[in-house]
C-alpha atoms as a PDB file:
ATOM      1  CA  MET A   1      -8.162   9.009 -12.456  1.00  0.00           C
ATOM      2  CA  ALA A   2      -7.011   7.517  -9.156  1.00  0.00           C
ATOM      3  CA  GLU A   3      -7.316   3.944 -10.393  1.00  0.00           C
ATOM      4  CA  GLY A   4      -5.453   4.849 -13.577  1.00  0.00           C
ATOM      5  CA  PHE A   5      -2.569   6.469 -11.702  1.00  0.00           C
ATOM      6  CA  ALA A   6      -2.439   3.724  -9.072  1.00  0.00           C
ATOM      7  CA  ASN A   7      -2.189   0.948 -11.633  1.00  0.00           C
ATOM      8  CA  HIS A   8       0.235   2.977 -13.772  1.00  0.00           C
ATOM      9  CA  TYR A   9       2.692   3.840 -10.982  1.00  0.00           C
ATOM     10  CA  GLY A  10       2.105   1.253  -8.279  1.00  0.00           C
ATOM     11  CA  LYS A  11       1.964  -2.146  -9.978  1.00  0.00           C
ATOM     12  CA  ASP A  12       4.693  -3.397  -7.652  1.00  0.00           C
ATOM     13  CA  VAL A  13       2.658  -2.791  -4.468  1.00  0.00           C
ATOM     14  CA  LEU A  14      -1.031  -2.739  -5.387  1.00  0.00           C
ATOM     15  CA  VAL A  15      -3.841  -3.637  -7.713  1.00  0.00           C
ATOM     16  CA  ALA A  16      -6.374  -0.846  -7.897  1.00  0.00           C
ATOM     17  CA  THR A  17     -10.034  -1.029  -8.803  1.00  0.00           C
ATOM     18  CA  SER A  18     -12.554   1.746  -8.499  1.00  0.00           C
ATOM     19  CA  ALA A  19     -16.227   2.047  -7.774  1.00  0.00           C
ATOM     20  CA  GLY A  20     -18.556   4.901  -7.041  1.00  0.00           C
ATOM     21  CA  LEU A  21     -21.601   5.676  -4.957  1.00  0.00           C
ATOM     22  CA  SER A  22     -23.325   6.983  -8.097  1.00  0.00           C
ATOM     23  CA  PRO A  23     -21.090   6.081 -11.059  1.00  0.00           C
ATOM     24  CA  MET A  24     -21.589   7.508 -14.515  1.00  0.00           C
ATOM     25  CA  PRO A  25     -22.633   5.086 -17.260  1.00  0.00           C
ATOM     26  CA  GLY A  26     -19.261   5.664 -18.942  1.00  0.00           C
ATOM     27  CA  ILE A  27     -16.019   7.588 -18.565  1.00  0.00           C
ATOM     28  CA  VAL A  28     -16.392  11.291 -19.298  1.00  0.00           C
ATOM     29  CA  LYS A  29     -14.399  12.223 -22.413  1.00  0.00           C
ATOM     30  CA  SER A  30     -12.759  15.142 -20.598  1.00  0.00           C
ATOM     31  CA  THR A  31     -11.420  12.733 -17.959  1.00  0.00           C
ATOM     32  CA  VAL A  32     -10.029  10.376 -20.596  1.00  0.00           C
ATOM     33  CA  ALA A  33      -8.432  13.337 -22.396  1.00  0.00           C
ATOM     34  CA  ALA A  34      -6.866  14.738 -19.221  1.00  0.00           C
ATOM     35  CA  MET A  35      -5.318  11.376 -18.387  1.00  0.00           C
ATOM     36  CA  ALA A  36      -4.132  10.802 -21.967  1.00  0.00           C
ATOM     37  CA  GLU A  37      -2.211  14.089 -21.708  1.00  0.00           C
ATOM     38  CA  VAL A  38       0.023  12.434 -19.092  1.00  0.00           C
ATOM     39  CA  GLY A  39       0.275   9.065 -20.826  1.00  0.00           C
ATOM     40  CA  VAL A  40      -2.298   7.126 -18.787  1.00  0.00           C
ATOM     41  CA  ASP A  41      -5.007   5.380 -20.815  1.00  0.00           C
ATOM     42  CA  ILE A  42      -8.278   4.927 -18.934  1.00  0.00           C
ATOM     43  CA  SER A  43     -10.493   4.752 -22.023  1.00  0.00           C
ATOM     44  CA  SER A  44     -11.451   1.113 -21.443  1.00  0.00           C
ATOM     45  CA  HIS A  45     -12.450   1.598 -17.786  1.00  0.00           C
ATOM     46  CA  ILE A  46     -16.044   0.711 -16.977  1.00  0.00           C
ATOM     47  CA  PRO A  47     -17.575   2.533 -13.990  1.00  0.00           C
ATOM     48  CA  SER A  48     -19.060   0.282 -11.320  1.00  0.00           C
ATOM     49  CA  TRP A  49     -21.094   0.621  -8.140  1.00  0.00           C
ATOM     50  CA  TYR A  50     -19.491   0.572  -4.697  1.00  0.00           C
ATOM     51  CA  GLU A  51     -20.401  -2.732  -3.032  1.00  0.00           C
ATOM     52  CA  PRO A  52     -19.727  -2.843   0.739  1.00  0.00           C
ATOM     53  CA  ALA A  53     -19.331  -6.643   0.700  1.00  0.00           C
ATOM     54  CA  LEU A  54     -16.619  -6.422  -1.964  1.00  0.00           C
ATOM     55  CA  ALA A  55     -14.921  -3.460  -0.267  1.00  0.00           C
ATOM     56  CA  ALA A  56     -14.469  -5.552   2.863  1.00  0.00           C
ATOM     57  CA  LYS A  57     -12.067  -7.782   0.903  1.00  0.00           C
ATOM     58  CA  TYR A  58      -9.651  -4.928   0.170  1.00  0.00           C
ATOM     59  CA  ASP A  59      -6.817  -3.843   2.445  1.00  0.00           C
ATOM     60  CA  ILE A  60      -7.379  -0.132   1.739  1.00  0.00           C
ATOM     61  CA  VAL A  61     -10.378   1.746   0.407  1.00  0.00           C
ATOM     62  CA  VAL A  62      -9.886   5.341  -0.710  1.00  0.00           C
ATOM     63  CA  ASN A  63     -13.064   7.372  -0.403  1.00  0.00           C
ATOM     64  CA  MET A  64     -13.167  10.470  -2.600  1.00  0.00           C
ATOM     65  CA  SER A  65     -16.944  10.876  -2.554  1.00  0.00           C
ATOM     66  CA  GLY A  66     -17.209  13.262   0.360  1.00  0.00           C
ATOM     67  CA  PHE A  67     -19.895  11.004   1.817  1.00  0.00           C
ATOM     68  CA  ARG A  68     -19.862   8.240   4.406  1.00  0.00           C
ATOM     69  CA  LEU A  69     -19.528   4.855   2.749  1.00  0.00           C
ATOM     70  CA  PRO A  70     -22.542   2.582   3.169  1.00  0.00           C
ATOM     71  CA  GLY A  71     -22.367  -0.687   5.058  1.00  0.00           C
ATOM     72  CA  LYS A  72     -19.750  -1.981   7.453  1.00  0.00           C
ATOM     73  CA  PRO A  73     -16.530   0.038   7.196  1.00  0.00           C
ATOM     74  CA  PRO A  74     -13.696  -1.709   5.330  1.00  0.00           C
ATOM     75  CA  LYS A  75     -10.406  -2.548   7.098  1.00  0.00           C
ATOM     76  CA  GLN A  76      -8.810   0.808   6.314  1.00  0.00           C
ATOM     77  CA  VAL A  77     -10.517   3.812   4.769  1.00  0.00           C
ATOM     78  CA  VAL A  78      -8.472   6.747   3.510  1.00  0.00           C
ATOM     79  CA  GLU A  79     -10.489   9.910   2.945  1.00  0.00           C
ATOM     80  CA  TRP A  80      -9.390  12.225   0.128  1.00  0.00           C
ATOM     81  CA  LYS A  81     -11.105  15.533  -0.463  1.00  0.00           C
ATOM     82  CA  VAL A  82     -11.043  15.979  -4.231  1.00  0.00           C
ATOM     83  CA  GLU A  83     -12.939  18.481  -6.351  1.00  0.00           C
ATOM     84  CA  ASP A  84     -15.372  16.972  -8.863  1.00  0.00           C
ATOM     85  CA  PRO A  85     -14.407  18.362 -12.284  1.00  0.00           C
ATOM     86  CA  TYR A  86     -17.535  17.124 -14.078  1.00  0.00           C
ATOM     87  CA  MET A  87     -18.884  19.661 -16.577  1.00  0.00           C
ATOM     88  CA  LYS A  88     -16.134  22.157 -15.751  1.00  0.00           C
ATOM     89  CA  PRO A  89     -13.409  23.543 -18.050  1.00  0.00           C
ATOM     90  CA  GLN A  90     -10.494  21.289 -19.012  1.00  0.00           C
ATOM     91  CA  ALA A  91      -8.226  23.379 -16.782  1.00  0.00           C
ATOM     92  CA  VAL A  92     -10.180  22.079 -13.782  1.00  0.00           C
ATOM     93  CA  TYR A  93      -9.711  18.484 -14.961  1.00  0.00           C
ATOM     94  CA  ARG A  94      -5.968  19.133 -15.166  1.00  0.00           C
ATOM     95  CA  ARG A  95      -5.861  20.633 -11.666  1.00  0.00           C
ATOM     96  CA  VAL A  96      -7.860  17.732 -10.229  1.00  0.00           C
ATOM     97  CA  ARG A  97      -5.660  15.271 -12.139  1.00  0.00           C
ATOM     98  CA  ALA A  98      -2.530  16.781 -10.562  1.00  0.00           C
ATOM     99  CA  ASP A  99      -4.120  16.644  -7.095  1.00  0.00           C
ATOM    100  CA  ILE A 100      -5.131  13.003  -7.491  1.00  0.00           C
ATOM    101  CA  GLU A 101      -1.746  12.042  -8.942  1.00  0.00           C
ATOM    102  CA  GLN A 102       0.015  13.545  -5.934  1.00  0.00           C
ATOM    103  CA  LYS A 103      -2.279  11.740  -3.471  1.00  0.00           C
ATOM    104  CA  VAL A 104      -1.849   8.430  -5.290  1.00  0.00           C
ATOM    105  CA  MET A 105       1.937   8.798  -5.300  1.00  0.00           C
ATOM    106  CA  GLN A 106       1.932   9.478  -1.547  1.00  0.00           C
ATOM    107  CA  LEU A 107      -0.152   6.343  -0.994  1.00  0.00           C
ATOM    108  CA  ILE A 108       2.159   4.252  -3.180  1.00  0.00           C
ATOM    109  CA  LEU A 109       5.273   5.552  -1.442  1.00  0.00           C
ATOM    110  CA  GLY A 110       3.721   4.710   1.929  1.00  0.00           C
ATOM    111  CA  LEU A 111       2.972   1.179   0.741  1.00  0.00           C
ATOM    112  CA  ARG A 112       6.517   0.771  -0.521  1.00  0.00           C
ATOM    113  CA  ARG A 113       7.843   1.820   2.877  1.00  0.00           C
ATOM    114  CA  GLY A 114       5.503  -0.676   4.506  1.00  0.00           C
ATOM    115  CA  LYS A 115       3.268   1.913   6.156  1.00  0.00           C
END
């Protein structure tokens, strides 16, 4: 969701990619549906593993896992506490979607202001 919102709203200040500490083999249909409700298509996203060596190349890494990232810390890590909606009712996906959208917009606005 975060990558989808970031690339949808913040193309002028960022290029977002996402990776997980234990990614699913595919995007959960409920996640795709929740994002489609707000006009963001993430259906072609392919989950990938978090690679510390690759993360070091990014200016900002947003960690939503709730766990310490492995390897040497990237330049800047932003920690977001976000509920995992997996296997929960669609209402939870919508609530989590709104939370992530708000956090992404704050990040984008900060980047636009040069912070």
